[in-house]
């Protein structure tokens, strides 16, 4: 049983190191000097959720006094809600934060096992 526990601790240590390296890579991605890459990564960091925009446009159509735009507004609101569930709008920065939080949780778990 002691050998199995040591193997599990060794696996957790390897996983923690891998996650730590991955978090460092994700957080260093935003500091690249190449202008084209930095611009592309910047647009990813500022990615907006399309569902919210479609919902706003749908509400504008729904509340507009023109009778032809009212039936268009309801499907746009529904489509916006659907896209909001499918596309969460996560950015590279969010992935880096979540990876870092996961690494901290693994580290805490490893420390409690000792």
C-alpha atoms as a PDB file:
ATOM      1  CA  UNK A   1       0.000   0.000   0.000  1.00  0.00           C
ATOM      2  CA  UNK A   2       2.886   2.344   0.769  1.00  0.00           C
ATOM      3  CA  UNK A   3       4.348   1.750  -2.719  1.00  0.00           C
ATOM      4  CA  UNK A   4       1.003   2.529  -4.376  1.00  0.00           C
ATOM      5  CA  UNK A   5       0.745   5.762  -2.391  1.00  0.00           C
ATOM      6  CA  UNK A   6       4.260   6.763  -3.486  1.00  0.00           C
ATOM      7  CA  UNK A   7       3.386   6.101  -7.132  1.00  0.00           C
ATOM      8  CA  UNK A   8       0.275   8.257  -6.821  1.00  0.00           C
ATOM      9  CA  UNK A   9       2.252  11.080  -5.193  1.00  0.00           C
ATOM     10  CA  UNK A  10       4.854  10.831  -7.979  1.00  0.00           C
ATOM     11  CA  UNK A  11       2.088  11.073 -10.612  1.00  0.00           C
ATOM     12  CA  UNK A  12       0.606  14.098  -8.861  1.00  0.00           C
ATOM     13  CA  UNK A  13       4.025  15.787  -8.753  1.00  0.00           C
ATOM     14  CA  UNK A  14       4.504  15.222 -12.483  1.00  0.00           C
ATOM     15  CA  UNK A  15       1.018  16.557 -13.220  1.00  0.00           C
ATOM     16  CA  UNK A  16       1.666  19.614 -11.043  1.00  0.00           C
ATOM     17  CA  UNK A  17       4.923  20.386 -12.857  1.00  0.00           C
ATOM     18  CA  UNK A  18       3.229  20.019 -16.231  1.00  0.00           C
ATOM     19  CA  UNK A  19       0.378  22.313 -15.230  1.00  0.00           C
ATOM     20  CA  UNK A  20       2.813  24.851 -13.818  1.00  0.00           C
ATOM     21  CA  UNK A  21       4.762  24.928 -17.103  1.00  0.00           C
ATOM     22  CA  UNK A  22       1.523  25.247 -19.074  1.00  0.00           C
ATOM     23  CA  UNK A  23       0.378  28.172 -16.909  1.00  0.00           C
ATOM     24  CA  UNK A  24       3.713  29.917 -17.481  1.00  0.00           C
ATOM     25  CA  UNK A  25       3.389  29.419 -21.243  1.00  0.00           C
ATOM     26  CA  UNK A  26      -0.161  30.789 -21.293  1.00  0.00           C
ATOM     27  CA  UNK A  27       0.742  33.825 -19.222  1.00  0.00           C
ATOM     28  CA  UNK A  28       3.823  34.575 -21.349  1.00  0.00           C
ATOM     29  CA  UNK A  29       1.854  34.385 -24.611  1.00  0.00           C
ATOM     30  CA  UNK A  30       0.521  37.902 -24.178  1.00  0.00           C
ATOM     31  CA  UNK A  31       4.017  39.398 -23.881  1.00  0.00           C
ATOM     32  CA  UNK A  32       5.307  38.429 -27.305  1.00  0.00           C
ATOM     33  CA  UNK A  33       7.252  41.050 -29.263  1.00  0.00           C
ATOM     34  CA  UNK A  34       6.127  40.008 -32.740  1.00  0.00           C
ATOM     35  CA  UNK A  35       3.516  42.558 -33.845  1.00  0.00           C
ATOM     36  CA  UNK A  36       1.437  40.183 -35.960  1.00  0.00           C
ATOM     37  CA  UNK A  37       1.285  37.518 -33.289  1.00  0.00           C
ATOM     38  CA  UNK A  38       0.653  40.086 -30.572  1.00  0.00           C
ATOM     39  CA  UNK A  39      -2.206  41.584 -32.619  1.00  0.00           C
ATOM     40  CA  UNK A  40      -3.771  38.162 -33.186  1.00  0.00           C
ATOM     41  CA  UNK A  41      -3.452  37.237 -29.523  1.00  0.00           C
ATOM     42  CA  UNK A  42      -4.805  40.644 -28.547  1.00  0.00           C
ATOM     43  CA  UNK A  43      -7.915  40.079 -30.600  1.00  0.00           C
ATOM     44  CA  UNK A  44      -8.348  36.737 -28.854  1.00  0.00           C
ATOM     45  CA  UNK A  45      -7.954  38.402 -25.484  1.00  0.00           C
ATOM     46  CA  UNK A  46     -10.645  40.924 -26.363  1.00  0.00           C
ATOM     47  CA  UNK A  47     -13.001  38.349 -27.862  1.00  0.00           C
ATOM     48  CA  UNK A  48     -16.600  39.175 -27.130  1.00  0.00           C
ATOM     49  CA  UNK A  49     -19.427  36.722 -26.811  1.00  0.00           C
ATOM     50  CA  UNK A  50     -21.604  36.970 -29.956  1.00  0.00           C
ATOM     51  CA  UNK A  51     -24.693  35.816 -28.092  1.00  0.00           C
ATOM     52  CA  UNK A  52     -24.899  38.983 -26.007  1.00  0.00           C
ATOM     53  CA  UNK A  53     -24.707  41.204 -29.083  1.00  0.00           C
ATOM     54  CA  UNK A  54     -27.402  39.245 -30.906  1.00  0.00           C
ATOM     55  CA  UNK A  55     -29.624  39.425 -27.825  1.00  0.00           C
ATOM     56  CA  UNK A  56     -29.189  43.202 -27.631  1.00  0.00           C
ATOM     57  CA  UNK A  57     -30.039  43.610 -31.318  1.00  0.00           C
ATOM     58  CA  UNK A  58     -33.062  41.327 -30.828  1.00  0.00           C
ATOM     59  CA  UNK A  59     -34.332  43.451 -27.941  1.00  0.00           C
ATOM     60  CA  UNK A  60     -33.840  46.591 -30.029  1.00  0.00           C
ATOM     61  CA  UNK A  61     -35.880  45.051 -32.847  1.00  0.00           C
ATOM     62  CA  UNK A  62     -38.526  43.840 -30.386  1.00  0.00           C
ATOM     63  CA  UNK A  63     -38.928  47.253 -28.782  1.00  0.00           C
ATOM     64  CA  UNK A  64     -38.817  49.267 -32.011  1.00  0.00           C
ATOM     65  CA  UNK A  65     -42.181  50.706 -33.096  1.00  0.00           C
ATOM     66  CA  UNK A  66     -41.953  49.289 -36.620  1.00  0.00           C
ATOM     67  CA  UNK A  67     -44.312  46.252 -36.857  1.00  0.00           C
ATOM     68  CA  UNK A  68     -42.062  44.395 -39.316  1.00  0.00           C
ATOM     69  CA  UNK A  69     -39.068  44.215 -36.973  1.00  0.00           C
ATOM     70  CA  UNK A  70     -40.976  42.828 -33.972  1.00  0.00           C
ATOM     71  CA  UNK A  71     -41.227  39.230 -35.315  1.00  0.00           C
ATOM     72  CA  UNK A  72     -37.504  39.329 -36.123  1.00  0.00           C
ATOM     73  CA  UNK A  73     -36.561  40.302 -32.569  1.00  0.00           C
ATOM     74  CA  UNK A  74     -37.857  37.199 -30.788  1.00  0.00           C
ATOM     75  CA  UNK A  75     -35.853  34.648 -32.838  1.00  0.00           C
ATOM     76  CA  UNK A  76     -32.758  36.821 -32.458  1.00  0.00           C
ATOM     77  CA  UNK A  77     -33.153  36.819 -28.672  1.00  0.00           C
ATOM     78  CA  UNK A  78     -33.559  33.026 -28.667  1.00  0.00           C
ATOM     79  CA  UNK A  79     -30.553  32.592 -30.971  1.00  0.00           C
ATOM     80  CA  UNK A  80     -28.519  34.882 -28.711  1.00  0.00           C
ATOM     81  CA  UNK A  81     -29.417  32.807 -25.657  1.00  0.00           C
ATOM     82  CA  UNK A  82     -28.401  29.634 -27.513  1.00  0.00           C
ATOM     83  CA  UNK A  83     -25.083  31.108 -28.659  1.00  0.00           C
ATOM     84  CA  UNK A  84     -24.427  32.360 -25.153  1.00  0.00           C
ATOM     85  CA  UNK A  85     -24.662  28.785 -23.890  1.00  0.00           C
ATOM     86  CA  UNK A  86     -22.574  27.304 -26.723  1.00  0.00           C
ATOM     87  CA  UNK A  87     -19.879  29.991 -26.952  1.00  0.00           C
ATOM     88  CA  UNK A  88     -18.723  31.128 -23.538  1.00  0.00           C
ATOM     89  CA  UNK A  89     -16.383  33.895 -24.688  1.00  0.00           C
ATOM     90  CA  UNK A  90     -13.377  32.572 -22.769  1.00  0.00           C
ATOM     91  CA  UNK A  91     -10.078  34.196 -23.664  1.00  0.00           C
ATOM     92  CA  UNK A  92      -6.462  33.077 -23.387  1.00  0.00           C
ATOM     93  CA  UNK A  93      -6.185  35.057 -20.162  1.00  0.00           C
ATOM     94  CA  UNK A  94      -9.088  33.063 -18.686  1.00  0.00           C
ATOM     95  CA  UNK A  95      -7.431  29.784 -19.674  1.00  0.00           C
ATOM     96  CA  UNK A  96      -4.195  30.888 -18.011  1.00  0.00           C
ATOM     97  CA  UNK A  97      -6.015  31.865 -14.814  1.00  0.00           C
ATOM     98  CA  UNK A  98      -7.931  28.600 -14.661  1.00  0.00           C
ATOM     99  CA  UNK A  99      -4.775  26.580 -15.288  1.00  0.00           C
ATOM    100  CA  UNK A 100      -2.977  28.484 -12.529  1.00  0.00           C
ATOM    101  CA  UNK A 101      -5.894  27.890 -10.131  1.00  0.00           C
ATOM    102  CA  UNK A 102      -5.865  24.198 -10.975  1.00  0.00           C
ATOM    103  CA  UNK A 103      -2.114  24.047 -10.315  1.00  0.00           C
ATOM    104  CA  UNK A 104      -2.656  25.656  -6.911  1.00  0.00           C
ATOM    105  CA  UNK A 105      -5.384  23.118  -6.103  1.00  0.00           C
ATOM    106  CA  UNK A 106      -3.116  20.222  -7.087  1.00  0.00           C
ATOM    107  CA  UNK A 107      -0.340  21.706  -4.948  1.00  0.00           C
ATOM    108  CA  UNK A 108      -2.672  22.017  -1.952  1.00  0.00           C
ATOM    109  CA  UNK A 109      -3.865  18.450  -2.462  1.00  0.00           C
ATOM    110  CA  UNK A 110      -0.283  17.200  -2.610  1.00  0.00           C
ATOM    111  CA  UNK A 111       0.587  19.061   0.580  1.00  0.00           C
ATOM    112  CA  UNK A 112      -2.360  17.538   2.434  1.00  0.00           C
ATOM    113  CA  UNK A 113      -1.297  14.029   1.405  1.00  0.00           C
ATOM    114  CA  UNK A 114       2.189  14.414   2.894  1.00  0.00           C
END
